[in-house]
Amino acid sequence: MKVSIIIPFYNCPYVDQAVKSALNQTYPNIEVIVVNDGSTKHKEKLAPFLHKIKYIEKANGGTATALNAGIDAATGDYFAWLSSDDQFLPDKTAEQLAFMLNSKAKVSYTAFRFINANSVVTDEIRYKPVNWSKTINTLAARCSVNGCTVMADMNLIREAGKFDESLKYTHDYDMWCKLSLRVHMMYFDEFTVHYRVHDEMGTKKYFPQLEQEANEVRRRYQKAIIEFNENKKAAANVGAIPLRKRRKAL
């Protein structure tokens, strides 16, 4: 199984660290696709890696457009996304893919650690495994998934319509909602990513716009999530033993 690691890049000074972490995966069957989304700075940091990666240049259009360009160019069976300011731990691909194959998961996410501008670990996020309905209902309220921890069946991503390019800040949230309504996003309880917090990160610089878009995503999937819960509840009641019969059966 081949895993395509897609790295969108726009004027990021940490991009060389991200690429190095992707190339240093212990799982051998990978391709690293760097999509330069119209950068005017730090392109020279990619020079040492150009013979090892698939490199795409395009006009600036936002992260969703860069991810979709990477998906279009990908030849892997599985999708992974690495932001240009973050890092994969060396065993991420090997361990997460093994988990998915063993559990027959189509998409999964993991725990992660925070790092600062100097790559020093400062904190961590670890979740608890939950069932399909709980995952859906959590996403109905907030985006609880770190995109760089996600691994997904590439065909599933393509069937979902790839990332919504009209969403500049919450294309990831939208995608996890789409996928979770199709299949259970399973949680793999291992640390696989170092997520960098710094002053220039988009979630800090554009937080009001991000919140506005997140509200739109919640409204977009509200009806579908209600229907999902109703269908799950109805399915759970099918074949249930009526109270009187249940007592006799006991």
Protein backbone atom coordinates (compact mmCIF):
# COMPACT_ATOMS: atom_id res chain seq x y z
CA MET A 1 0.00 0.00 0.00
CA LYS A 2 1.37 3.41 -0.98
CA VAL A 3 0.75 6.49 1.15
CA SER A 4 0.75 9.96 -0.46
CA ILE A 5 1.87 12.68 1.95
CA ILE A 6 0.70 16.07 0.67
CA ILE A 7 2.39 19.23 1.96
CA PRO A 8 0.75 22.55 0.96
CA PHE A 9 3.34 25.34 1.13
CA TYR A 10 2.90 29.10 1.21
CA ASN A 11 5.74 31.34 2.44
CA CYS A 12 6.45 29.08 5.40
CA PRO A 13 9.92 29.21 7.01
CA TYR A 14 9.48 25.72 8.52
CA VAL A 15 8.79 23.89 5.26
CA ASP A 16 12.18 22.16 5.14
CA GLN A 17 11.55 20.63 8.57
CA ALA A 18 8.15 19.36 7.43
CA VAL A 19 9.55 17.80 4.25
CA LYS A 20 12.42 16.19 6.14
CA SER A 21 9.98 14.61 8.63
CA ALA A 22 7.91 13.22 5.75
CA LEU A 23 10.92 11.78 3.95
CA ASN A 24 12.19 10.24 7.19
CA GLN A 25 9.17 7.98 7.63
CA THR A 26 10.08 4.41 8.55
CA TYR A 27 7.39 3.13 6.19
CA PRO A 28 9.10 2.85 2.78
CA ASN A 29 6.21 2.97 0.31
CA ILE A 30 5.43 6.68 0.33
CA GLU A 31 5.42 9.62 -2.02
CA VAL A 32 5.88 13.16 -0.74
CA ILE A 33 4.05 15.81 -2.77
CA VAL A 34 4.86 19.44 -2.03
CA VAL A 35 2.42 21.93 -3.55
CA ASN A 36 3.82 25.46 -3.71
CA ASP A 37 0.72 27.64 -3.53
CA GLY A 38 2.25 30.76 -5.06
CA SER A 39 4.99 31.31 -2.48
CA THR A 40 7.28 34.30 -2.84
CA LYS A 41 9.48 33.39 0.16
CA HIS A 42 11.42 30.35 1.42
CA LYS A 43 11.28 28.38 -1.83
CA GLU A 44 15.03 27.89 -1.60
CA LYS A 45 14.49 25.66 1.45
CA LEU A 46 13.09 23.00 -0.87
CA ALA A 47 16.19 22.77 -3.10
CA PRO A 48 17.87 19.90 -1.17
CA PHE A 49 14.74 17.76 -1.51
CA LEU A 50 13.63 18.28 -5.09
CA HIS A 51 15.12 14.98 -6.30
CA LYS A 52 13.18 13.09 -3.60
CA ILE A 53 9.75 14.72 -3.81
CA LYS A 54 7.03 15.42 -6.33
CA TYR A 55 7.00 19.21 -6.62
CA ILE A 56 4.07 21.25 -7.95
CA GLU A 57 3.90 25.01 -8.41
CA LYS A 58 0.59 26.85 -8.80
CA ALA A 59 -0.90 30.30 -8.37
CA ASN A 60 -2.00 31.17 -4.87
CA GLY A 61 -5.49 29.89 -4.17
CA GLY A 62 -5.51 28.72 -0.57
CA THR A 63 -4.80 25.49 1.27
CA ALA A 64 -7.82 23.62 -0.09
CA THR A 65 -6.71 24.25 -3.68
CA ALA A 66 -3.18 23.07 -2.85
CA LEU A 67 -4.47 19.91 -1.18
CA ASN A 68 -6.68 19.17 -4.17
CA ALA A 69 -3.78 19.70 -6.56
CA GLY A 70 -1.81 17.21 -4.51
CA ILE A 71 -4.68 14.72 -4.53
CA ASP A 72 -4.95 15.04 -8.32
CA ALA A 73 -1.25 14.24 -8.65
CA ALA A 74 -1.20 11.48 -6.04
CA THR A 75 -0.72 7.81 -6.94
CA GLY A 76 -1.06 6.46 -3.41
CA ASP A 77 -3.77 4.27 -1.92
CA TYR A 78 -3.92 6.44 1.20
CA PHE A 79 -3.99 10.18 1.82
CA ALA A 80 -2.03 12.02 4.50
CA TRP A 81 -1.75 15.78 4.95
CA LEU A 82 1.20 17.54 6.56
CA SER A 83 1.08 21.30 7.08
CA SER A 84 4.35 22.99 6.14
CA ASP A 85 4.93 24.19 9.71
CA ASP A 86 4.27 20.82 11.38
CA GLN A 87 6.18 17.54 11.63
CA PHE A 88 5.37 13.85 11.32
CA LEU A 89 6.95 11.54 13.87
CA PRO A 90 9.04 8.85 12.13
CA ASP A 91 6.64 5.94 12.72
CA LYS A 92 3.41 7.78 11.95
CA THR A 93 2.80 6.25 8.54
CA ALA A 94 3.82 2.70 9.47
CA GLU A 95 1.87 2.55 12.72
CA GLN A 96 -1.26 4.36 11.55
CA LEU A 97 -1.52 2.35 8.34
CA ALA A 98 -1.11 -0.91 10.29
CA PHE A 99 -3.88 0.23 12.65
CA MET A 100 -6.18 1.02 9.74
CA LEU A 101 -5.57 -2.26 7.96
CA ASN A 102 -6.06 -4.26 11.17
CA SER A 103 -9.26 -2.43 12.11
CA LYS A 104 -10.52 -2.12 8.52
CA ALA A 105 -10.81 1.65 8.98
CA LYS A 106 -11.26 3.90 5.98
CA VAL A 107 -10.16 7.01 7.86
CA SER A 108 -8.47 7.61 11.20
CA TYR A 109 -7.00 10.39 13.35
CA THR A 110 -4.55 10.34 16.26
CA ALA A 111 -3.17 12.09 19.32
CA PHE A 112 -0.63 14.87 18.80
CA ARG A 113 1.85 17.07 20.64
CA PHE A 114 2.23 20.85 20.48
CA ILE A 115 5.62 22.36 19.69
CA ASN A 116 6.78 25.97 19.70
CA ALA A 117 8.74 27.95 17.11
CA ASN A 118 11.92 26.19 18.26
CA SER A 119 10.40 22.69 17.94
CA VAL A 120 10.24 22.21 21.72
CA VAL A 121 7.26 20.12 22.92
CA THR A 122 4.97 22.25 25.09
CA ASP A 123 1.76 20.24 25.51
CA GLU A 124 -0.23 17.33 24.09
CA ILE A 125 -3.74 16.27 23.13
CA ARG A 126 -4.92 12.71 23.65
CA TYR A 127 -8.51 11.62 23.09
CA LYS A 128 -10.55 8.57 24.06
CA PRO A 129 -11.86 6.11 21.45
CA VAL A 130 -15.57 6.77 20.84
CA ASN A 131 -18.30 5.17 18.74
CA TRP A 132 -19.52 6.44 15.39
CA SER A 133 -22.45 8.45 16.79
CA LYS A 134 -20.28 10.19 19.38
CA THR A 135 -17.79 11.17 16.68
CA ILE A 136 -20.57 12.66 14.55
CA ASN A 137 -22.10 14.57 17.45
CA THR A 138 -18.75 15.98 18.51
CA LEU A 139 -18.13 17.24 14.97
CA ALA A 140 -21.60 18.79 14.99
CA ALA A 141 -20.35 21.10 17.74
CA ARG A 142 -16.70 21.69 16.85
CA CYS A 143 -13.79 20.48 14.76
CA SER A 144 -12.17 18.01 17.13
CA VAL A 145 -9.76 16.50 14.59
CA ASN A 146 -6.24 17.74 13.85
CA GLY A 147 -5.98 17.46 10.07
CA CYS A 148 -2.32 16.46 10.05
CA THR A 149 -3.10 13.39 12.15
CA VAL A 150 -5.59 12.10 9.57
CA MET A 151 -4.96 9.18 7.25
CA ALA A 152 -7.71 8.22 4.81
CA ASP A 153 -8.45 5.92 1.93
CA MET A 154 -7.66 8.04 -1.14
CA ASN A 155 -10.74 6.84 -3.01
CA LEU A 156 -12.91 7.92 -0.08
CA ILE A 157 -11.45 11.44 -0.26
CA ARG A 158 -12.10 11.61 -4.00
CA GLU A 159 -15.63 10.21 -3.71
CA ALA A 160 -16.40 12.88 -1.09
CA GLY A 161 -15.54 15.56 -3.66
CA LYS A 162 -12.12 16.49 -2.27
CA PHE A 163 -11.72 19.70 -0.23
CA ASP A 164 -14.20 22.56 -0.64
CA GLU A 165 -12.18 25.38 -2.22
CA SER A 166 -14.79 27.97 -1.27
CA LEU A 167 -13.81 27.50 2.39
CA LYS A 168 -10.54 29.30 3.04
CA TYR A 169 -10.12 28.36 6.70
CA THR A 170 -12.42 25.41 7.49
CA HIS A 171 -12.05 23.14 4.45
CA ASP A 172 -10.66 20.52 6.86
CA TYR A 173 -13.68 20.72 9.20
CA ASP A 174 -15.99 20.39 6.21
CA MET A 175 -14.09 17.32 4.97
CA TRP A 176 -14.21 15.52 8.33
CA CYS A 177 -17.96 16.11 8.48
CA LYS A 178 -18.38 14.70 4.97
CA LEU A 179 -16.25 11.65 5.69
CA SER A 180 -17.76 10.93 9.09
CA LEU A 181 -21.24 10.80 7.59
CA ARG A 182 -19.96 8.06 5.25
CA VAL A 183 -17.75 6.02 7.57
CA HIS A 184 -16.59 5.98 11.16
CA MET A 185 -13.51 8.15 11.69
CA MET A 186 -11.62 5.86 14.04
CA TYR A 187 -9.23 7.12 16.70
CA PHE A 188 -5.69 5.68 16.92
CA ASP A 189 -4.35 6.38 20.39
CA GLU A 190 -0.74 7.16 19.54
CA PHE A 191 1.17 10.41 19.10
CA THR A 192 2.03 10.84 15.42
CA VAL A 193 2.36 14.60 14.84
CA HIS A 194 4.12 17.63 16.25
CA TYR A 195 1.74 20.56 15.75
CA ARG A 196 3.55 23.90 15.75
CA VAL A 197 2.06 26.92 17.50
CA HIS A 198 3.57 30.23 16.38
CA ASP A 199 2.53 33.84 15.83
CA GLU A 200 2.10 33.56 12.06
CA MET A 201 -0.18 30.51 12.06
CA GLY A 202 -3.51 30.99 10.32
CA THR A 203 -5.66 29.93 13.27
CA LYS A 204 -4.22 32.85 15.24
CA LYS A 205 -4.14 35.48 12.50
CA TYR A 206 -7.58 34.77 11.07
CA PHE A 207 -9.52 33.43 14.05
CA PRO A 208 -12.67 35.60 13.57
CA GLN A 209 -12.96 34.54 9.92
CA LEU A 210 -12.34 30.92 10.90
CA GLU A 211 -15.14 31.03 13.47
CA GLN A 212 -17.53 32.53 10.93
CA GLU A 213 -16.77 29.75 8.44
CA ALA A 214 -17.04 27.10 11.15
CA ASN A 215 -20.57 28.26 11.90
CA GLU A 216 -21.40 27.90 8.21
CA VAL A 217 -20.04 24.34 8.20
CA ARG A 218 -22.14 23.48 11.26
CA ARG A 219 -25.27 24.81 9.56
CA ARG A 220 -24.37 22.94 6.37
CA TYR A 221 -24.38 19.53 8.07
CA GLN A 222 -26.98 20.09 10.77
CA LYS A 223 -29.83 18.33 8.93
CA ALA A 224 -27.65 15.43 7.76
CA ILE A 225 -26.39 14.82 11.30
CA ILE A 226 -29.94 14.86 12.72
CA GLU A 227 -30.96 12.31 10.09
CA PHE A 228 -27.89 10.20 10.86
CA ASN A 229 -28.81 10.06 14.55
CA GLU A 230 -32.44 9.23 13.79
CA ASN A 231 -31.40 6.41 11.45
CA LYS A 232 -28.96 5.04 14.03
CA LYS A 233 -31.64 5.13 16.71
CA ALA A 234 -34.16 3.40 14.44
CA ALA A 235 -31.62 0.73 13.50
CA ALA A 236 -30.86 0.08 17.16
CA ASN A 237 -34.55 -0.46 17.87
CA VAL A 238 -35.01 -2.98 15.07
CA GLY A 239 -35.24 -6.45 16.55
CA ALA A 240 -35.40 -5.21 20.13
CA ILE A 241 -37.35 -7.56 22.39
CA PRO A 242 -40.55 -5.98 23.79
CA LEU A 243 -40.52 -5.59 27.58
CA ARG A 244 -43.02 -8.41 28.31
CA LYS A 245 -41.27 -10.87 25.99
CA ARG A 246 -37.92 -9.85 27.40
CA ARG A 247 -39.07 -10.78 30.90
CA LYS A 248 -40.28 -14.18 29.71
CA ALA A 249 -37.03 -14.73 27.86
CA LEU A 250 -35.14 -14.08 31.09
